[in-house]
Amino acid sequence: MSPDFMTRTEKKMAEKTSICAEDLLKIANQMIREHDAYIDGMHADSVEEKAGVMVFKGEYFLDGNGLPTPKTTAVFNMFKYLAHHLSKQYTLEK
């Protein structure tokens, strides 16, 4: 398709680097370990792409009743940070 007729989403997708989930998780987990807000045991186990946004999943440090702890907030914020930064650069291979 000609760039003149591409939608904004198509243009953004064309500018991103295609990457497999395994390689993206390696990058994400390296970023986690190097971040100031890192907590021991914090890591991303999986990633999927929804509407151009990377969604990371992993240990959320819930308590015995399945309720959030202060660490849960830190993990949520870290995964949000990863989504914000890595969604701009990458798209998952199909």
PDB file of N, CA and C in Angstrom:
ATOM      1  N   MET A   1       0.851  -1.179   0.000  1.00  0.00           N
ATOM      2  CA  MET A   1       0.000   0.000   0.000  1.00  0.00           C
ATOM      3  C   MET A   1       0.894   1.239   0.000  1.00  0.00           C
ATOM      4  N   SER A   2       0.503   2.227  -0.734  1.00  0.00           N
ATOM      5  CA  SER A   2       1.249   3.477  -0.824  1.00  0.00           C
ATOM      6  C   SER A   2       1.193   4.212   0.515  1.00  0.00           C
ATOM      7  N   PRO A   3       2.308   4.813   0.966  1.00  0.00           N
ATOM      8  CA  PRO A   3       2.297   5.557   2.235  1.00  0.00           C
ATOM      9  C   PRO A   3       1.241   6.657   2.274  1.00  0.00           C
ATOM     10  N   ASP A   4       0.857   7.183   1.112  1.00  0.00           N
ATOM     11  CA  ASP A   4      -0.153   8.240   1.077  1.00  0.00           C
ATOM     12  C   ASP A   4      -1.519   7.739   1.513  1.00  0.00           C
ATOM     13  N   PHE A   5      -1.749   6.431   1.404  1.00  0.00           N
ATOM     14  CA  PHE A   5      -3.061   5.878   1.706  1.00  0.00           C
ATOM     15  C   PHE A   5      -3.074   5.035   2.980  1.00  0.00           C
ATOM     16  N   MET A   6      -1.999   5.066   3.727  1.00  0.00           N
ATOM     17  CA  MET A   6      -1.925   4.291   4.966  1.00  0.00           C
ATOM     18  C   MET A   6      -2.584   5.056   6.110  1.00  0.00           C
ATOM     19  N   THR A   7      -3.237   4.312   6.992  1.00  0.00           N
ATOM     20  CA  THR A   7      -3.803   4.933   8.186  1.00  0.00           C
ATOM     21  C   THR A   7      -2.673   5.256   9.159  1.00  0.00           C
ATOM     22  N   ARG A   8      -2.964   6.046  10.167  1.00  0.00           N
ATOM     23  CA  ARG A   8      -1.952   6.369  11.177  1.00  0.00           C
ATOM     24  C   ARG A   8      -1.425   5.107  11.850  1.00  0.00           C
ATOM     25  N   THR A   9      -2.335   4.179  12.163  1.00  0.00           N
ATOM     26  CA  THR A   9      -1.930   2.928  12.801  1.00  0.00           C
ATOM     27  C   THR A   9      -1.009   2.135  11.895  1.00  0.00           C
ATOM     28  N   GLU A  10      -1.329   2.037  10.620  1.00  0.00           N
ATOM     29  CA  GLU A  10      -0.479   1.312   9.673  1.00  0.00           C
ATOM     30  C   GLU A  10       0.897   1.963   9.571  1.00  0.00           C
ATOM     31  N   LYS A  11       0.949   3.277   9.580  1.00  0.00           N
ATOM     32  CA  LYS A  11       2.236   3.977   9.519  1.00  0.00           C
ATOM     33  C   LYS A  11       3.067   3.694  10.767  1.00  0.00           C
ATOM     34  N   LYS A  12       2.418   3.724  11.940  1.00  0.00           N
ATOM     35  CA  LYS A  12       3.135   3.443  13.179  1.00  0.00           C
ATOM     36  C   LYS A  12       3.655   2.009  13.185  1.00  0.00           C
ATOM     37  N   MET A  13       2.832   1.067  12.724  1.00  0.00           N
ATOM     38  CA  MET A  13       3.242  -0.333  12.692  1.00  0.00           C
ATOM     39  C   MET A  13       4.428  -0.518  11.748  1.00  0.00           C
ATOM     40  N   ALA A  14       4.440   0.226  10.642  1.00  0.00           N
ATOM     41  CA  ALA A  14       5.520   0.116   9.666  1.00  0.00           C
ATOM     42  C   ALA A  14       6.840   0.635  10.242  1.00  0.00           C
ATOM     43  N   GLU A  15       6.776   1.526  11.215  1.00  0.00           N
ATOM     44  CA  GLU A  15       7.975   2.109  11.817  1.00  0.00           C
ATOM     45  C   GLU A  15       8.535   1.257  12.957  1.00  0.00           C
ATOM     46  N   LYS A  16       7.771   0.293  13.451  1.00  0.00           N
ATOM     47  CA  LYS A  16       8.196  -0.535  14.574  1.00  0.00           C
ATOM     48  C   LYS A  16       9.012  -1.729  14.087  1.00  0.00           C
ATOM     49  N   THR A  17       9.873  -2.225  14.956  1.00  0.00           N
ATOM     50  CA  THR A  17      10.664  -3.411  14.674  1.00  0.00           C
ATOM     51  C   THR A  17       9.877  -4.644  15.098  1.00  0.00           C
ATOM     52  N   SER A  18       9.777  -5.616  14.215  1.00  0.00           N
ATOM     53  CA  SER A  18       9.112  -6.873  14.530  1.00  0.00           C
ATOM     54  C   SER A  18      10.047  -7.723  15.389  1.00  0.00           C
ATOM     55  N   ILE A  19       9.504  -8.338  16.444  1.00  0.00           N
ATOM     56  CA  ILE A  19      10.318  -9.105  17.393  1.00  0.00           C
ATOM     57  C   ILE A  19       9.494 -10.272  17.923  1.00  0.00           C
ATOM     58  N   CYS A  20      10.153 -11.383  18.238  1.00  0.00           N
ATOM     59  CA  CYS A  20       9.438 -12.511  18.840  1.00  0.00           C
ATOM     60  C   CYS A  20       9.245 -12.233  20.336  1.00  0.00           C
ATOM     61  N   ALA A  21       8.234 -12.857  20.918  1.00  0.00           N
ATOM     62  CA  ALA A  21       7.909 -12.624  22.327  1.00  0.00           C
ATOM     63  C   ALA A  21       9.086 -12.963  23.239  1.00  0.00           C
ATOM     64  N   GLU A  22       9.798 -14.046  22.934  1.00  0.00           N
ATOM     65  CA  GLU A  22      10.932 -14.462  23.768  1.00  0.00           C
ATOM     66  C   GLU A  22      12.012 -13.382  23.826  1.00  0.00           C
ATOM     67  N   ASP A  23      12.344 -12.801  22.678  1.00  0.00           N
ATOM     68  CA  ASP A  23      13.369 -11.751  22.655  1.00  0.00           C
ATOM     69  C   ASP A  23      12.890 -10.484  23.355  1.00  0.00           C
ATOM     70  N   LEU A  24      11.611 -10.155  23.185  1.00  0.00           N
ATOM     71  CA  LEU A  24      11.075  -8.969  23.855  1.00  0.00           C
ATOM     72  C   LEU A  24      11.080  -9.162  25.370  1.00  0.00           C
ATOM     73  N   LEU A  25      10.777 -10.375  25.828  1.00  0.00           N
ATOM     74  CA  LEU A  25      10.819 -10.647  27.268  1.00  0.00           C
ATOM     75  C   LEU A  25      12.236 -10.519  27.818  1.00  0.00           C
ATOM     76  N   LYS A  26      13.231 -10.914  27.045  1.00  0.00           N
ATOM     77  CA  LYS A  26      14.624 -10.742  27.486  1.00  0.00           C
ATOM     78  C   LYS A  26      14.944  -9.263  27.679  1.00  0.00           C
ATOM     79  N   ILE A  27      14.522  -8.441  26.719  1.00  0.00           N
ATOM     80  CA  ILE A  27      14.745  -6.992  26.813  1.00  0.00           C
ATOM     81  C   ILE A  27      13.994  -6.424  28.018  1.00  0.00           C
ATOM     82  N   ALA A  28      12.721  -6.809  28.154  1.00  0.00           N
ATOM     83  CA  ALA A  28      11.886  -6.297  29.245  1.00  0.00           C
ATOM     84  C   ALA A  28      12.466  -6.668  30.606  1.00  0.00           C
ATOM     85  N   ASN A  29      12.884  -7.913  30.762  1.00  0.00           N
ATOM     86  CA  ASN A  29      13.416  -8.343  32.057  1.00  0.00           C
ATOM     87  C   ASN A  29      14.756  -7.690  32.373  1.00  0.00           C
ATOM     88  N   GLN A  30      15.537  -7.387  31.362  1.00  0.00           N
ATOM     89  CA  GLN A  30      16.778  -6.631  31.580  1.00  0.00           C
ATOM     90  C   GLN A  30      16.443  -5.213  32.062  1.00  0.00           C
ATOM     91  N   MET A  31      15.435  -4.595  31.422  1.00  0.00           N
ATOM     92  CA  MET A  31      15.007  -3.255  31.837  1.00  0.00           C
ATOM     93  C   MET A  31      14.499  -3.271  33.276  1.00  0.00           C
ATOM     94  N   ILE A  32      13.759  -4.318  33.638  1.00  0.00           N
ATOM     95  CA  ILE A  32      13.245  -4.436  35.005  1.00  0.00           C
ATOM     96  C   ILE A  32      14.401  -4.493  35.998  1.00  0.00           C
ATOM     97  N   ARG A  33      15.364  -5.371  35.741  1.00  0.00           N
ATOM     98  CA  ARG A  33      16.494  -5.540  36.671  1.00  0.00           C
ATOM     99  C   ARG A  33      17.316  -4.264  36.824  1.00  0.00           C
ATOM    100  N   GLU A  34      17.378  -3.450  35.781  1.00  0.00           N
ATOM    101  CA  GLU A  34      18.182  -2.223  35.825  1.00  0.00           C
ATOM    102  C   GLU A  34      17.416  -1.017  36.364  1.00  0.00           C
ATOM    103  N   HIS A  35      16.118  -1.157  36.570  1.00  0.00           N
ATOM    104  CA  HIS A  35      15.276  -0.039  37.003  1.00  0.00           C
ATOM    105  C   HIS A  35      15.427   0.205  38.507  1.00  0.00           C
ATOM    106  N   ASP A  36      15.351   1.465  38.916  1.00  0.00           N
ATOM    107  CA  ASP A  36      15.466   1.837  40.333  1.00  0.00           C
ATOM    108  C   ASP A  36      14.364   1.220  41.193  1.00  0.00           C
ATOM    109  N   ALA A  37      13.195   0.946  40.609  1.00  0.00           N
ATOM    110  CA  ALA A  37      12.065   0.411  41.367  1.00  0.00           C
ATOM    111  C   ALA A  37      12.041  -1.121  41.385  1.00  0.00           C
ATOM    112  N   TYR A  38      13.130  -1.752  40.955  1.00  0.00           N
ATOM    113  CA  TYR A  38      13.199  -3.216  40.927  1.00  0.00           C
ATOM    114  C   TYR A  38      13.023  -3.795  42.325  1.00  0.00           C
ATOM    115  N   ILE A  39      12.221  -4.860  42.403  1.00  0.00           N
ATOM    116  CA  ILE A  39      12.021  -5.631  43.631  1.00  0.00           C
ATOM    117  C   ILE A  39      12.487  -7.051  43.332  1.00  0.00           C
ATOM    118  N   ASP A  40      13.199  -7.659  44.267  1.00  0.00           N
ATOM    119  CA  ASP A  40      13.674  -9.022  44.073  1.00  0.00           C
ATOM    120  C   ASP A  40      12.509  -9.940  43.694  1.00  0.00           C
ATOM    121  N   GLY A  41      12.664 -10.684  42.621  1.00  0.00           N
ATOM    122  CA  GLY A  41      11.625 -11.594  42.145  1.00  0.00           C
ATOM    123  C   GLY A  41      10.721 -10.996  41.077  1.00  0.00           C
ATOM    124  N   MET A  42      10.844  -9.711  40.821  1.00  0.00           N
ATOM    125  CA  MET A  42      10.014  -9.049  39.811  1.00  0.00           C
ATOM    126  C   MET A  42      10.515  -9.432  38.419  1.00  0.00           C
ATOM    127  N   HIS A  43       9.608  -9.950  37.584  1.00  0.00           N
ATOM    128  CA  HIS A  43       9.958 -10.285  36.207  1.00  0.00           C
ATOM    129  C   HIS A  43       8.690 -10.480  35.377  1.00  0.00           C
ATOM    130  N   ALA A  44       8.835 -10.355  34.083  1.00  0.00           N
ATOM    131  CA  ALA A  44       7.729 -10.588  33.151  1.00  0.00           C
ATOM    132  C   ALA A  44       7.831 -12.019  32.645  1.00  0.00           C
ATOM    133  N   ASP A  45       6.714 -12.757  32.723  1.00  0.00           N
ATOM    134  CA  ASP A  45       6.658 -14.145  32.258  1.00  0.00           C
ATOM    135  C   ASP A  45       6.142 -14.260  30.835  1.00  0.00           C
ATOM    136  N   SER A  46       5.271 -13.323  30.448  1.00  0.00           N
ATOM    137  CA  SER A  46       4.666 -13.396  29.121  1.00  0.00           C
ATOM    138  C   SER A  46       4.341 -11.998  28.624  1.00  0.00           C
ATOM    139  N   VAL A  47       4.151 -11.912  27.311  1.00  0.00           N
ATOM    140  CA  VAL A  47       3.777 -10.644  26.686  1.00  0.00           C
ATOM    141  C   VAL A  47       2.864 -10.943  25.510  1.00  0.00           C
ATOM    142  N   GLU A  48       1.878 -10.098  25.332  1.00  0.00           N
ATOM    143  CA  GLU A  48       1.030 -10.147  24.148  1.00  0.00           C
ATOM    144  C   GLU A  48       0.794  -8.719  23.694  1.00  0.00           C
ATOM    145  N   GLU A  49       0.357  -8.590  22.466  1.00  0.00           N
ATOM    146  CA  GLU A  49       0.121  -7.263  21.908  1.00  0.00           C
ATOM    147  C   GLU A  49      -1.366  -7.095  21.660  1.00  0.00           C
ATOM    148  N   LYS A  50      -1.930  -6.042  22.217  1.00  0.00           N
ATOM    149  CA  LYS A  50      -3.350  -5.739  22.040  1.00  0.00           C
ATOM    150  C   LYS A  50      -3.475  -4.323  21.510  1.00  0.00           C
ATOM    151  N   ALA A  51      -4.005  -4.202  20.302  1.00  0.00           N
ATOM    152  CA  ALA A  51      -4.210  -2.896  19.657  1.00  0.00           C
ATOM    153  C   ALA A  51      -2.928  -2.065  19.654  1.00  0.00           C
ATOM    154  N   GLY A  52      -1.790  -2.733  19.387  1.00  0.00           N
ATOM    155  CA  GLY A  52      -0.521  -2.027  19.292  1.00  0.00           C
ATOM    156  C   GLY A  52       0.170  -1.749  20.610  1.00  0.00           C
ATOM    157  N   VAL A  53      -0.398  -2.237  21.717  1.00  0.00           N
ATOM    158  CA  VAL A  53       0.185  -2.010  23.043  1.00  0.00           C
ATOM    159  C   VAL A  53       0.642  -3.350  23.623  1.00  0.00           C
ATOM    160  N   MET A  54       1.868  -3.379  24.123  1.00  0.00           N
ATOM    161  CA  MET A  54       2.405  -4.583  24.749  1.00  0.00           C
ATOM    162  C   MET A  54       1.804  -4.740  26.145  1.00  0.00           C
ATOM    163  N   VAL A  55       1.311  -5.933  26.434  1.00  0.00           N
ATOM    164  CA  VAL A  55       0.731  -6.243  27.741  1.00  0.00           C
ATOM    165  C   VAL A  55       1.614  -7.316  28.380  1.00  0.00           C
ATOM    166  N   PHE A  56       2.280  -6.945  29.465  1.00  0.00           N
ATOM    167  CA  PHE A  56       3.196  -7.849  30.155  1.00  0.00           C
ATOM    168  C   PHE A  56       2.497  -8.473  31.351  1.00  0.00           C
ATOM    169  N   LYS A  57       2.831  -9.738  31.610  1.00  0.00           N
ATOM    170  CA  LYS A  57       2.262 -10.452  32.756  1.00  0.00           C
ATOM    171  C   LYS A  57       3.384 -11.150  33.508  1.00  0.00           C
ATOM    172  N   GLY A  58       3.162 -11.326  34.805  1.00  0.00           N
ATOM    173  CA  GLY A  58       4.149 -11.997  35.638  1.00  0.00           C
ATOM    174  C   GLY A  58       3.660 -12.083  37.067  1.00  0.00           C
ATOM    175  N   GLU A  59       4.579 -12.282  37.987  1.00  0.00           N
ATOM    176  CA  GLU A  59       4.274 -12.384  39.417  1.00  0.00           C
ATOM    177  C   GLU A  59       3.782 -11.026  39.928  1.00  0.00           C
ATOM    178  N   TYR A  60       2.606 -11.046  40.568  1.00  0.00           N
ATOM    179  CA  TYR A  60       2.035  -9.795  41.080  1.00  0.00           C
ATOM    180  C   TYR A  60       2.130  -9.667  42.599  1.00  0.00           C
ATOM    181  N   PHE A  61       2.763 -10.622  43.267  1.00  0.00           N
ATOM    182  CA  PHE A  61       2.976 -10.555  44.716  1.00  0.00           C
ATOM    183  C   PHE A  61       1.672 -10.351  45.488  1.00  0.00           C
ATOM    184  N   LEU A  62       0.655 -11.159  45.173  1.00  0.00           N
ATOM    185  CA  LEU A  62      -0.608 -11.100  45.905  1.00  0.00           C
ATOM    186  C   LEU A  62      -0.446 -11.789  47.254  1.00  0.00           C
ATOM    187  N   ASP A  63      -1.300 -11.414  48.222  1.00  0.00           N
ATOM    188  CA  ASP A  63      -1.206 -12.053  49.534  1.00  0.00           C
ATOM    189  C   ASP A  63      -1.902 -13.417  49.502  1.00  0.00           C
ATOM    190  N   GLY A  64      -1.975 -14.085  50.644  1.00  0.00           N
ATOM    191  CA  GLY A  64      -2.565 -15.419  50.738  1.00  0.00           C
ATOM    192  C   GLY A  64      -4.024 -15.488  50.335  1.00  0.00           C
ATOM    193  N   ASN A  65      -4.710 -14.361  50.394  1.00  0.00           N
ATOM    194  CA  ASN A  65      -6.118 -14.299  49.999  1.00  0.00           C
ATOM    195  C   ASN A  65      -6.294 -13.820  48.562  1.00  0.00           C
ATOM    196  N   GLY A  66      -5.182 -13.661  47.857  1.00  0.00           N
ATOM    197  CA  GLY A  66      -5.264 -13.198  46.466  1.00  0.00           C
ATOM    198  C   GLY A  66      -5.468 -11.701  46.332  1.00  0.00           C
ATOM    199  N   LEU A  67      -5.209 -10.977  47.413  1.00  0.00           N
ATOM    200  CA  LEU A  67      -5.389  -9.524  47.396  1.00  0.00           C
ATOM    201  C   LEU A  67      -4.057  -8.820  47.126  1.00  0.00           C
ATOM    202  N   PRO A  68      -4.119  -7.616  46.578  1.00  0.00           N
ATOM    203  CA  PRO A  68      -2.892  -6.869  46.275  1.00  0.00           C
ATOM    204  C   PRO A  68      -2.115  -6.484  47.531  1.00  0.00           C
ATOM    205  N   THR A  69      -0.810  -6.384  47.365  1.00  0.00           N
ATOM    206  CA  THR A  69       0.094  -5.913  48.413  1.00  0.00           C
ATOM    207  C   THR A  69       0.790  -4.658  47.877  1.00  0.00           C
ATOM    208  N   PRO A  70       1.566  -3.966  48.695  1.00  0.00           N
ATOM    209  CA  PRO A  70       2.318  -2.813  48.162  1.00  0.00           C
ATOM    210  C   PRO A  70       3.231  -3.198  46.988  1.00  0.00           C
ATOM    211  N   LYS A  71       3.750  -4.427  47.010  1.00  0.00           N
ATOM    212  CA  LYS A  71       4.583  -4.875  45.893  1.00  0.00           C
ATOM    213  C   LYS A  71       3.772  -5.000  44.599  1.00  0.00           C
ATOM    214  N   THR A  72       2.482  -5.316  44.731  1.00  0.00           N
ATOM    215  CA  THR A  72       1.614  -5.448  43.556  1.00  0.00           C
ATOM    216  C   THR A  72       1.577  -4.136  42.783  1.00  0.00           C
ATOM    217  N   THR A  73       1.469  -3.036  43.493  1.00  0.00           N
ATOM    218  CA  THR A  73       1.453  -1.718  42.849  1.00  0.00           C
ATOM    219  C   THR A  73       2.758  -1.465  42.115  1.00  0.00           C
ATOM    220  N   ALA A  74       3.873  -1.849  42.723  1.00  0.00           N
ATOM    221  CA  ALA A  74       5.181  -1.657  42.084  1.00  0.00           C
ATOM    222  C   ALA A  74       5.279  -2.461  40.788  1.00  0.00           C
ATOM    223  N   VAL A  75       4.784  -3.699  40.811  1.00  0.00           N
ATOM    224  CA  VAL A  75       4.816  -4.537  39.605  1.00  0.00           C
ATOM    225  C   VAL A  75       3.920  -3.943  38.529  1.00  0.00           C
ATOM    226  N   PHE A  76       2.707  -3.530  38.907  1.00  0.00           N
ATOM    227  CA  PHE A  76       1.794  -2.917  37.938  1.00  0.00           C
ATOM    228  C   PHE A  76       2.455  -1.707  37.281  1.00  0.00           C
ATOM    229  N   ASN A  77       3.065  -0.858  38.079  1.00  0.00           N
ATOM    230  CA  ASN A  77       3.722   0.336  37.535  1.00  0.00           C
ATOM    231  C   ASN A  77       4.897  -0.027  36.628  1.00  0.00           C
ATOM    232  N   MET A  78       5.624  -1.075  36.971  1.00  0.00           N
ATOM    233  CA  MET A  78       6.747  -1.516  36.136  1.00  0.00           C
ATOM    234  C   MET A  78       6.240  -2.024  34.783  1.00  0.00           C
ATOM    235  N   PHE A  79       5.177  -2.832  34.796  1.00  0.00           N
ATOM    236  CA  PHE A  79       4.640  -3.354  33.542  1.00  0.00           C
ATOM    237  C   PHE A  79       4.067  -2.221  32.686  1.00  0.00           C
ATOM    238  N   LYS A  80       3.502  -1.218  33.337  1.00  0.00           N
ATOM    239  CA  LYS A  80       3.011  -0.044  32.609  1.00  0.00           C
ATOM    240  C   LYS A  80       4.180   0.704  31.975  1.00  0.00           C
ATOM    241  N   TYR A  81       5.263   0.842  32.704  1.00  0.00           N
ATOM    242  CA  TYR A  81       6.485   1.477  32.192  1.00  0.00           C
ATOM    243  C   TYR A  81       6.996   0.725  30.961  1.00  0.00           C
ATOM    244  N   LEU A  82       7.060  -0.602  31.052  1.00  0.00           N
ATOM    245  CA  LEU A  82       7.513  -1.406  29.914  1.00  0.00           C
ATOM    246  C   LEU A  82       6.599  -1.219  28.712  1.00  0.00           C
ATOM    247  N   ALA A  83       5.296  -1.258  28.948  1.00  0.00           N
ATOM    248  CA  ALA A  83       4.335  -1.096  27.853  1.00  0.00           C
ATOM    249  C   ALA A  83       4.519   0.255  27.175  1.00  0.00           C
ATOM    250  N   HIS A  84       4.689   1.284  27.968  1.00  0.00           N
ATOM    251  CA  HIS A  84       4.849   2.639  27.427  1.00  0.00           C
ATOM    252  C   HIS A  84       6.093   2.739  26.549  1.00  0.00           C
ATOM    253  N   HIS A  85       7.195   2.197  27.006  1.00  0.00           N
ATOM    254  CA  HIS A  85       8.455   2.331  26.268  1.00  0.00           C
ATOM    255  C   HIS A  85       8.601   1.332  25.128  1.00  0.00           C
ATOM    256  N   LEU A  86       8.234   0.085  25.355  1.00  0.00           N
ATOM    257  CA  LEU A  86       8.490  -0.944  24.348  1.00  0.00           C
ATOM    258  C   LEU A  86       7.428  -0.996  23.254  1.00  0.00           C
ATOM    259  N   SER A  87       6.217  -0.533  23.544  1.00  0.00           N
ATOM    260  CA  SER A  87       5.166  -0.526  22.518  1.00  0.00           C
ATOM    261  C   SER A  87       5.486   0.452  21.398  1.00  0.00           C
ATOM    262  N   LYS A  88       6.259   1.479  21.707  1.00  0.00           N
ATOM    263  CA  LYS A  88       6.649   2.465  20.690  1.00  0.00           C
ATOM    264  C   LYS A  88       7.657   1.882  19.705  1.00  0.00           C
ATOM    265  N   GLN A  89       8.465   0.935  20.169  1.00  0.00           N
ATOM    266  CA  GLN A  89       9.582   0.425  19.380  1.00  0.00           C
ATOM    267  C   GLN A  89       9.303  -0.887  18.666  1.00  0.00           C
ATOM    268  N   TYR A  90       8.440  -1.734  19.254  1.00  0.00           N
ATOM    269  CA  TYR A  90       8.310  -3.102  18.760  1.00  0.00           C
ATOM    270  C   TYR A  90       6.874  -3.498  18.453  1.00  0.00           C
ATOM    271  N   THR A  91       6.761  -4.475  17.556  1.00  0.00           N
ATOM    272  CA  THR A  91       5.511  -5.175  17.311  1.00  0.00           C
ATOM    273  C   THR A  91       5.839  -6.661  17.349  1.00  0.00           C
ATOM    274  N   LEU A  92       4.946  -7.474  17.913  1.00  0.00           N
ATOM    275  CA  LEU A  92       5.225  -8.903  18.015  1.00  0.00           C
ATOM    276  C   LEU A  92       5.046  -9.589  16.668  1.00  0.00           C
ATOM    277  N   GLU A  93       5.959 -10.523  16.398  1.00  0.00           N
ATOM    278  CA  GLU A  93       5.849 -11.324  15.182  1.00  0.00           C
ATOM    279  C   GLU A  93       4.586 -12.165  15.273  1.00  0.00           C
ATOM    280  N   LYS A  94       3.958 -12.368  14.155  1.00  0.00           N
ATOM    281  CA  LYS A  94       2.731 -13.188  14.115  1.00  0.00           C
ATOM    282  C   LYS A  94       3.077 -14.643  13.961  1.00  0.00           C
TER     283      LYS A  94
END
